Each structure stands twice: as structure tokens, then as C-alpha cells.
Amino acid sequence: MIFTDKKDSRLYLEQLKKRYKLSRKLEKKIILDEFSKTTGHERKYAIKLLSGWYKHKAGKVHRPHRIYSLNDTLVLVRVCDLLDWINSKRIKPQIGLAIDSLVEAKELTVTREQKEKLVKISPATIDRLLTRYHKRPVVRGHSYTRAGTLLKTQIPVRTFADWSDVKVGFCEIDLVGHDGGLAKGNFSWTLNFVDVVSGWTEQIAVKSKAQNHVFVGIKTLRERLPFPLLGFDSDSGSEFLNEQLYHYSIEEKITFTRGRPGKKNDNAFVEEKNDSVIRKWVGYGRYDTEKQLEILNQLYFFLRFYTNFFLPVMKLTKKTRIGSRIKKIYDMPKTPYQRVLTAEDISKKVKNKLKEQYKILNLVRIKKQIDVILGNLKPTSIR
């Protein structure tokens, strides 16, 4: 029996939802069997209806049916390659810009109708069409953070939950080592800055994790930030918890906080960028020469424009626990540049400067330059 009357279908569902909520596991199974046989719904969908996750609509649901050809798929491959194969939900809002950039560079020919169709494509369809074209290898790195013994009582702890009501300008900072799996001798490190609110990232390569090199890197990245640095949060490593950086933060009136030792999730924002930006582009090889250090910094110079102006990020807005599962809700994907422009606490002068900078940037040229630099970056062989 399939319901055709919307009212009858809704009443039947509401009655079962009440029973389902108060029932035990075995009783729920019987209710599910009854509901699936009566309505014709697939079992997983029936579970979500009875649990209150979905709102039931009686009758047929009419959706626009678009057929994507092999040529459409190949265009998507070019778009995704230009945007570094980021998540499909982040790719979707940038499809139009990416296609325009490729057409302007005469690297792609797309009709108006084809572009309109691809702009309307859903993230799920992007994943379905591109399943065979890109798979990122899973590689694990190592952590060599040594806990700082000084100043732990003076520098307050900030956990992941404490970032709920901050302004643009509060950053998490961290170091990423390029030892190639052999933590001996001197090798390069990347200092990573991530603004918590906007997702703006800045990187610089330093000779070692000695506090004098790290301190110079922090001052350099502070100057590169398009907005004032209001505060930074680090792990409990000795390269950050030292007298030099502590007194600098007091003199410059910068809020200095730290995460708990061994609790990486306290610095979740920068840890995520360590993987999606630094490890994604640089990898896990060993870089221990002056030439490699120079190439790394050339890469980060162009990468800051690429990631901040063209790659959208998604921010978690709400988490709801449903039984043993957690449902996460994210906002609409926006680039860090777009998030800074909409921030109320950023001055018009800063926003206008960013707008002028964005006008002269070319996505295709930046991506090509990054690819050329990566071609010159060769890790040291380890025997």
C-alpha cells in the first residue's frame, strides 16, 4: 500500500514517530519493517524519517534531470586540478571563476550552455563524476614537539572550545618539520599562521626550530598579514614558550595563549592547515639545504595568494548529538579573502587594499608558477 493522500501519509508518520521514539531496539525493528512495507520506502530513509532527521513529503518529488557528458567531466577535471582537488562542496562556488580563468588563458573552450550547466552541478554529482580521476595517497608524519618548561604558569591555556567569540586577527601558530623521517642534524621547518575566524593562512620556512629563527619568522609573518595581529596561540613547545616571545607579546600588546601538552585538538585550526596546505604541497621529504629553504619560501609566496584568494573554506557553525552520532552543520563555502571583506571589525582601508590586490591576481598564472616551483623542489635522498 502506497499513500497518495498527503494528509493520511503525514498522520500515519506522526503516529509511528511517537511509538518509535519510546520503543526499544527490538520494537523499533518491527516498526521499521511495518513502515517500509506500508509506504514502500527504503529502510535507511525510513529510519531517518522516523528519527525526525527528514521531513516527509507525500507524492513524487520532481527534480531537474541533467545529463553530464564525458566532455563535461573533462572540464570538471581541469577545474578541480586548478583548484587543487579540494572538497567538492568547496569547489562548487568557484566553478564559474575557474572556467572563466581557463578560458581567458586559452586553455579551455566551453560553451555558454555548458558553463551554466556545470555551475549548477551538485557537490554529490561532482564526486560521482570524478571518482576515477583523483585519489590522494595517505601518508603519516611524525611529531617532534618538545614541551617548554618555562612560562607555563604565565601563559594561559586556550582550548578548541575557547574560540567561539573572537575577532579576525587571532591566529594559531605551529611548526612543521621537513626531516624526511630522519630527525637528525639540521633541516628546514615551516612556520604556519592560521587566522581562526577567516581561515587566512601564512607560511614561512626557517632554518631550524631554534627560538631565534622562529622569532624572526613570527615577526615576518605578522608583517605579511593584511590585518592587525591581535593574538596567537601555540602548542607547548620550547620554540614558542620562551622569554623572548613572551616579552615581545607584552610589548606589542598581543594576546599569547597556548594549548595543553599532548592535546593536538587544542590547536585544531592550524593542525588542519598543516595537512591541507603544507603537507599537501610540500609532502614529507627532507629539506636541509639553503637552496631548498629558498625554494620553499618561493612556494609560500605564491601559495598565500592561491589559498587565501581562490580556495573556499567551510566553517563549522553547529554540532548536534543524535544518539551516538554527531550531526555537523557548516556555513556556505567562502574564501578567506571573502570572509575578511565581510568582517565587521576590519577597517575599510584594509578591505580596499585587498580588493585592489585581488584585481591583479590571475588564478591560472599563479597555479602554473606554483607547479614550476614544485618541479624545482627536490627532497634530499636518505640512505
Protein backbone atom coordinates (compact mmCIF):
# COMPACT_ATOMS: atom_id res chain seq x y z
CA MET A 1 0.00 0.00 0.00
CA ILE A 2 1.42 3.38 -1.06
CA PHE A 3 -0.11 6.57 0.32
CA THR A 4 -1.27 9.09 -2.28
CA ASP A 5 -3.13 11.37 0.09
CA LYS A 6 -0.68 13.78 1.73
CA LYS A 7 -2.77 14.22 4.90
CA ASP A 8 -3.12 10.47 5.52
CA SER A 9 0.57 9.91 4.94
CA ARG A 10 1.57 12.66 7.36
CA LEU A 11 -0.79 11.45 10.13
CA TYR A 12 0.44 7.88 9.77
CA LEU A 13 4.07 9.04 10.02
CA GLU A 14 3.46 11.22 13.09
CA GLN A 15 1.77 8.35 14.95
CA LEU A 16 4.63 5.96 14.18
CA LYS A 17 7.28 8.54 15.17
CA LYS A 18 5.79 8.72 18.67
CA ARG A 19 5.85 4.93 19.01
CA TYR A 20 9.32 4.67 17.50
CA LYS A 21 10.80 7.22 19.90
CA LEU A 22 9.54 5.38 23.00
CA SER A 23 10.34 1.87 21.76
CA ARG A 24 13.29 -0.38 22.46
CA LYS A 25 15.61 -1.83 19.84
CA LEU A 26 13.58 -4.95 19.01
CA GLU A 27 10.32 -2.99 18.87
CA LYS A 28 11.92 -0.40 16.60
CA LYS A 29 12.88 -3.16 14.16
CA ILE A 30 9.25 -4.32 13.99
CA ILE A 31 8.00 -0.75 13.45
CA LEU A 32 10.59 -0.22 10.69
CA ASP A 33 9.53 -3.39 8.90
CA GLU A 34 5.89 -2.32 9.09
CA PHE A 35 6.61 1.24 7.92
CA SER A 36 8.81 0.12 4.99
CA LYS A 37 6.26 -2.42 3.75
CA THR A 38 3.35 0.04 4.08
CA THR A 39 4.97 3.04 2.42
CA GLY A 40 7.48 1.37 0.10
CA HIS A 41 10.35 3.47 1.49
CA GLU A 42 13.90 2.14 1.54
CA ARG A 43 14.92 1.11 5.07
CA LYS A 44 17.66 3.73 5.65
CA TYR A 45 15.34 6.50 4.51
CA ALA A 46 12.60 5.13 6.78
CA ILE A 47 14.97 5.27 9.79
CA LYS A 48 15.70 8.94 9.12
CA LEU A 49 12.01 9.77 8.74
CA LEU A 50 11.05 8.07 11.98
CA SER A 51 14.02 9.61 13.82
CA GLY A 52 12.95 13.08 12.70
CA TRP A 53 16.00 13.81 10.52
CA TYR A 54 13.97 14.36 7.32
CA LYS A 55 10.61 15.91 6.67
CA HIS A 56 8.39 13.53 4.70
CA LYS A 57 6.76 14.76 1.50
CA ALA A 58 3.93 12.68 0.05
CA GLY A 59 3.81 12.01 -3.67
CA LYS A 60 6.60 12.14 -6.22
CA VAL A 61 9.44 14.62 -5.91
CA HIS A 62 10.30 16.20 -9.25
CA ARG A 63 13.95 17.15 -9.66
CA PRO A 64 15.64 18.67 -12.70
CA HIS A 65 17.42 15.90 -14.60
CA ARG A 66 20.72 16.90 -16.15
CA ILE A 67 22.87 14.57 -18.17
CA TYR A 68 26.62 15.19 -17.99
CA SER A 69 28.76 14.07 -20.90
CA LEU A 70 32.38 12.93 -20.94
CA ASN A 71 33.34 16.42 -22.13
CA ASP A 72 31.62 17.94 -19.07
CA THR A 73 33.57 15.56 -16.85
CA LEU A 74 36.88 16.52 -18.50
CA VAL A 75 36.09 20.21 -17.93
CA LEU A 76 35.46 19.42 -14.26
CA VAL A 77 38.80 17.61 -14.11
CA ARG A 78 40.56 20.78 -15.35
CA VAL A 79 38.62 22.90 -12.84
CA CYS A 80 39.44 20.58 -9.93
CA ASP A 81 43.10 20.43 -10.92
CA LEU A 82 43.22 24.23 -10.98
CA LEU A 83 41.63 24.31 -7.51
CA ASP A 84 43.93 21.65 -6.04
CA TRP A 85 41.23 18.95 -5.87
CA ILE A 86 39.69 20.40 -2.75
CA ASN A 87 36.39 19.15 -1.32
CA SER A 88 33.52 19.21 -3.86
CA LYS A 89 31.43 21.46 -1.59
CA ARG A 90 34.27 23.99 -1.63
CA ILE A 91 34.80 23.60 -5.38
CA LYS A 92 31.19 24.31 -6.36
CA PRO A 93 31.14 28.10 -5.65
CA GLN A 94 34.41 28.56 -7.60
CA ILE A 95 33.47 26.62 -10.75
CA GLY A 96 32.40 29.72 -12.66
CA LEU A 97 35.58 31.64 -11.75
CA ALA A 98 37.80 28.67 -12.61
CA ILE A 99 36.17 28.16 -16.01
CA ASP A 100 36.47 31.88 -16.82
CA SER A 101 40.15 31.86 -15.83
CA LEU A 102 40.91 28.82 -18.01
CA VAL A 103 39.00 30.27 -20.98
CA GLU A 104 40.79 33.62 -20.60
CA ALA A 105 44.13 31.80 -20.59
CA LYS A 106 43.02 29.97 -23.76
CA GLU A 107 43.45 26.61 -22.07
CA LEU A 108 39.81 25.62 -22.32
CA THR A 109 36.88 26.04 -24.70
CA VAL A 110 33.44 25.98 -23.09
CA THR A 111 30.06 26.97 -24.49
CA ARG A 112 27.75 29.25 -22.55
CA GLU A 113 25.20 26.46 -22.07
CA GLN A 114 27.87 24.05 -20.82
CA LYS A 115 29.17 26.58 -18.29
CA GLU A 116 25.65 27.27 -16.99
CA LYS A 117 25.05 23.55 -16.57
CA LEU A 118 28.33 22.99 -14.71
CA VAL A 119 27.78 25.97 -12.40
CA LYS A 120 24.51 24.35 -11.25
CA ILE A 121 26.06 20.93 -10.63
CA SER A 122 25.72 19.49 -7.11
CA PRO A 123 28.72 18.50 -4.95
CA ALA A 124 27.47 14.90 -4.88
CA THR A 125 27.45 14.76 -8.70
CA ILE A 126 30.98 16.20 -8.79
CA ASP A 127 32.15 13.36 -6.54
CA ARG A 128 30.32 10.78 -8.65
CA LEU A 129 31.75 12.00 -11.96
CA LEU A 130 35.33 12.36 -10.70
CA THR A 131 35.70 9.19 -8.63
CA ARG A 132 38.21 7.62 -11.02
CA TYR A 133 40.30 10.74 -11.67
CA HIS A 134 41.93 11.64 -8.35
CA LYS A 135 42.91 9.79 -5.20
CA ARG A 136 45.23 11.35 -2.65
CA PRO A 137 47.70 8.94 -1.00
CA VAL A 138 47.52 8.67 2.78
CA VAL A 139 50.90 9.36 4.37
CA ARG A 140 51.67 9.75 8.06
CA GLY A 141 54.22 12.10 9.57
CA HIS A 142 55.92 12.42 12.96
CA SER A 143 55.69 14.88 15.82
CA TYR A 144 58.87 16.13 17.50
CA THR A 145 57.39 18.78 19.79
CA ARG A 146 59.37 19.13 22.99
CA ALA A 147 57.45 20.65 25.85
CA GLY A 148 58.62 24.05 27.06
CA THR A 149 59.42 24.08 30.77
CA LEU A 150 59.39 27.87 31.19
CA LEU A 151 56.48 30.31 31.46
CA LYS A 152 53.75 27.68 31.60
CA THR A 153 52.17 29.40 34.58
CA GLN A 154 52.32 32.88 32.95
CA ILE A 155 50.88 31.87 29.55
CA PRO A 156 47.19 30.89 29.81
CA VAL A 157 45.74 27.77 28.16
CA ARG A 158 43.25 28.09 25.31
CA THR A 159 41.34 25.01 24.12
CA PHE A 160 39.38 24.43 20.90
CA ALA A 161 36.12 25.41 22.64
CA ASP A 162 37.51 28.84 23.60
CA TRP A 163 37.48 30.19 20.01
CA SER A 164 33.75 30.95 19.95
CA ASP A 165 33.72 34.75 20.14
CA VAL A 166 36.97 36.15 18.72
CA LYS A 167 37.71 38.71 16.03
CA VAL A 168 39.76 38.48 12.86
CA GLY A 169 43.41 38.73 13.92
CA PHE A 170 43.58 35.89 16.46
CA CYS A 171 45.80 33.17 15.00
CA GLU A 172 47.01 29.69 15.81
CA ILE A 173 50.69 29.06 15.03
CA ASP A 174 52.68 25.86 14.64
CA LEU A 175 55.88 24.40 13.20
CA VAL A 176 56.02 21.58 10.63
CA GLY A 177 59.28 19.70 10.30
CA HIS A 178 60.79 18.60 6.97
CA ASP A 179 63.09 15.82 8.22
CA GLY A 180 62.04 13.09 5.80
CA GLY A 181 61.55 10.67 8.67
CA LEU A 182 65.14 11.07 9.93
CA ALA A 183 65.21 13.52 12.84
CA LYS A 184 68.96 14.06 12.81
CA GLY A 185 71.02 17.13 12.03
CA ASN A 186 69.59 20.42 10.84
CA PHE A 187 66.64 20.58 8.48
CA SER A 188 64.04 23.14 7.44
CA TRP A 189 60.83 23.85 9.31
CA THR A 190 57.70 25.66 8.14
CA LEU A 191 56.10 28.18 10.48
CA ASN A 192 52.35 28.19 9.88
CA PHE A 193 49.92 31.01 10.80
CA VAL A 194 46.13 30.43 10.61
CA ASP A 195 43.56 33.08 11.44
CA VAL A 196 40.76 31.32 13.33
CA VAL A 197 37.80 33.41 12.11
CA SER A 198 38.64 33.91 8.42
CA GLY A 199 40.86 30.90 7.73
CA TRP A 200 43.59 33.18 6.33
CA THR A 201 46.92 31.33 6.24
CA GLU A 202 50.55 32.44 6.01
CA GLN A 203 53.68 30.27 5.89
CA ILE A 204 57.43 30.83 6.01
CA ALA A 205 60.30 28.32 6.00
CA VAL A 206 63.01 28.70 8.67
CA LYS A 207 66.43 27.04 9.06
CA SER A 208 65.62 25.24 12.29
CA LYS A 209 63.24 25.35 15.25
CA ALA A 210 65.71 27.36 17.32
CA GLN A 211 63.83 30.16 19.07
CA ASN A 212 65.78 32.95 17.31
CA HIS A 213 64.81 31.63 13.83
CA VAL A 214 61.20 31.06 14.91
CA PHE A 215 61.01 34.55 16.43
CA VAL A 216 62.19 36.18 13.17
CA GLY A 217 59.65 34.08 11.25
CA ILE A 218 56.81 35.20 13.53
CA LYS A 219 57.69 38.88 13.04
CA THR A 220 57.92 38.37 9.25
CA LEU A 221 54.50 36.69 9.03
CA ARG A 222 52.99 39.36 11.24
CA GLU A 223 54.03 41.97 8.66
CA ARG A 224 52.51 39.90 5.83
CA LEU A 225 49.10 39.61 7.45
CA PRO A 226 46.66 42.03 5.79
CA PHE A 227 45.06 42.78 9.17
CA PRO A 228 46.50 43.54 12.64
CA LEU A 229 47.69 40.56 14.70
CA LEU A 230 45.65 40.62 17.93
CA GLY A 231 46.78 37.33 19.42
CA PHE A 232 48.43 33.99 18.74
CA ASP A 233 48.00 30.54 20.23
CA SER A 234 50.77 27.93 20.06
CA ASP A 235 51.46 24.46 21.36
CA SER A 236 53.60 24.00 24.48
CA GLY A 237 56.88 23.58 22.59
CA SER A 238 60.00 25.34 23.84
CA GLU A 239 60.37 27.14 20.48
CA PHE A 240 57.30 29.20 21.45
CA LEU A 241 57.32 29.19 25.26
CA ASN A 242 60.40 31.33 25.79
CA GLU A 243 61.25 34.70 27.36
CA GLN A 244 61.90 36.39 24.01
CA LEU A 245 58.45 35.72 22.54
CA TYR A 246 56.71 36.22 25.88
CA HIS A 247 58.12 39.73 26.39
CA TYR A 248 57.53 40.58 22.72
CA SER A 249 53.82 39.76 23.10
CA ILE A 250 53.61 42.01 26.17
CA GLU A 251 55.42 44.92 24.50
CA GLU A 252 53.28 44.69 21.34
CA LYS A 253 50.06 44.08 23.31
CA ILE A 254 49.42 40.75 21.61
CA THR A 255 47.43 38.08 23.45
CA PHE A 256 49.64 35.00 23.89
CA THR A 257 47.97 31.66 24.76
CA ARG A 258 48.98 28.01 24.47
CA GLY A 259 47.43 24.56 24.10
CA ARG A 260 47.77 21.74 26.59
CA PRO A 261 50.75 19.38 26.14
CA GLY A 262 49.78 16.32 24.10
CA LYS A 263 46.36 17.76 23.13
CA LYS A 264 46.60 18.47 19.40
CA ASN A 265 42.90 19.30 19.18
CA ASP A 266 43.56 22.45 21.24
CA ASN A 267 45.23 23.75 18.07
CA ALA A 268 42.82 22.11 15.62
CA PHE A 269 42.69 25.01 13.14
CA VAL A 270 46.42 25.12 12.45
CA GLU A 271 46.77 21.32 12.61
CA GLU A 272 44.22 21.03 9.79
CA LYS A 273 46.16 23.53 7.65
CA ASN A 274 49.43 21.73 8.40
CA ASP A 275 47.97 18.85 6.39
CA SER A 276 45.78 20.53 3.77
CA VAL A 277 48.30 23.24 2.85
CA ILE A 278 51.86 22.32 3.88
CA ARG A 279 51.87 18.52 3.67
CA LYS A 280 49.59 18.60 0.62
CA TRP A 281 52.08 20.70 -1.36
CA VAL A 282 55.47 20.00 0.22
CA GLY A 283 54.97 16.42 1.33
CA TYR A 284 57.10 14.52 3.85
CA GLY A 285 60.53 14.74 2.20
CA ARG A 286 63.72 16.02 3.81
CA TYR A 287 64.78 19.59 3.02
CA ASP A 288 68.05 20.56 4.68
CA THR A 289 69.94 22.82 2.27
CA GLU A 290 69.93 26.59 1.74
CA LYS A 291 68.68 26.10 -1.83
CA GLN A 292 65.72 24.02 -0.66
CA LEU A 293 64.93 26.62 2.00
CA GLU A 294 64.90 29.33 -0.66
CA ILE A 295 62.58 27.29 -2.94
CA LEU A 296 60.20 26.61 -0.04
CA ASN A 297 59.86 30.33 0.61
CA GLN A 298 59.31 30.98 -3.12
CA LEU A 299 56.49 28.43 -2.98
CA TYR A 300 54.88 30.02 0.08
CA PHE A 301 54.99 33.46 -1.55
CA PHE A 302 52.66 32.30 -4.34
CA LEU A 303 50.74 29.83 -2.19
CA ARG A 304 49.46 32.63 0.08
CA PHE A 305 47.65 34.21 -2.89
CA TYR A 306 46.34 30.87 -4.15
CA THR A 307 44.91 29.58 -0.86
CA ASN A 308 43.66 32.88 0.57
CA PHE A 309 42.07 34.43 -2.53
CA PHE A 310 40.83 31.42 -4.51
CA LEU A 311 40.25 28.34 -2.33
CA PRO A 312 36.99 28.45 -0.31
CA VAL A 313 36.89 27.16 3.25
CA MET A 314 33.91 25.97 5.30
CA LYS A 315 33.35 26.90 8.95
CA LEU A 316 31.58 24.67 11.45
CA THR A 317 28.55 26.55 12.80
CA LYS A 318 26.71 23.94 14.86
CA LYS A 319 27.06 20.43 16.27
CA THR A 320 24.07 18.39 17.40
CA ARG A 321 24.27 15.00 19.09
CA ILE A 322 21.65 12.48 17.89
CA GLY A 323 22.10 9.32 19.91
CA SER A 324 25.63 8.08 19.28
CA ARG A 325 26.10 10.27 16.20
CA ILE A 326 27.05 13.94 15.87
CA LYS A 327 25.45 16.00 13.12
CA LYS A 328 27.68 18.85 11.93
CA ILE A 329 26.37 21.92 10.12
CA TYR A 330 28.73 24.12 8.09
CA ASP A 331 28.24 27.56 6.57
CA MET A 332 28.46 28.35 2.86
CA PRO A 333 31.97 27.92 1.40
CA LYS A 334 33.85 31.24 1.13
CA THR A 335 37.47 32.12 0.51
CA PRO A 336 39.44 33.67 3.40
CA TYR A 337 39.56 36.85 1.28
CA GLN A 338 35.75 36.95 1.14
CA ARG A 339 35.48 36.33 4.88
CA VAL A 340 37.84 39.22 5.66
CA LEU A 341 35.78 41.52 3.42
CA THR A 342 32.59 40.70 5.35
CA ALA A 343 34.22 41.02 8.80
CA GLU A 344 32.81 44.00 10.70
CA ASP A 345 35.97 44.57 12.75
CA ILE A 346 38.24 45.07 9.69
CA SER A 347 38.81 48.64 8.50
CA LYS A 348 37.77 49.88 5.05
CA LYS A 349 41.40 50.70 4.29
CA VAL A 350 42.42 47.06 4.71
CA LYS A 351 39.45 45.83 2.67
CA ASN A 352 40.11 48.27 -0.18
CA LYS A 353 43.77 47.23 -0.30
CA LEU A 354 42.74 43.59 -0.56
CA LYS A 355 40.24 44.37 -3.32
CA GLU A 356 42.90 46.13 -5.36
CA GLN A 357 45.26 43.20 -4.86
CA TYR A 358 42.59 40.71 -5.93
CA LYS A 359 42.01 42.58 -9.22
CA ILE A 360 45.57 42.00 -10.42
CA LEU A 361 45.74 38.31 -9.45
CA ASN A 362 45.39 35.64 -12.13
CA LEU A 363 44.41 32.17 -10.92
CA VAL A 364 45.88 30.25 -13.87
CA ARG A 365 49.24 32.08 -13.76
CA ILE A 366 49.59 31.58 -10.01
CA LYS A 367 48.84 27.87 -10.30
CA LYS A 368 51.39 27.50 -13.13
CA GLN A 369 54.03 29.31 -11.09
CA ILE A 370 53.38 27.01 -8.13
CA ASP A 371 53.74 23.95 -10.37
CA VAL A 372 57.06 25.25 -11.75
CA ILE A 373 58.44 25.86 -8.24
CA LEU A 374 57.33 22.42 -7.09
CA GLY A 375 59.17 20.94 -10.06
CA ASN A 376 62.39 22.51 -8.72
CA LEU A 377 61.83 21.34 -5.15
CA LYS A 378 63.65 18.02 -4.82
CA PRO A 379 63.94 16.38 -1.38
CA THR A 380 67.31 15.19 -0.08
CA SER A 381 67.80 11.46 -0.57
CA ILE A 382 68.16 9.46 2.65
CA ARG A 383 70.32 6.34 2.66
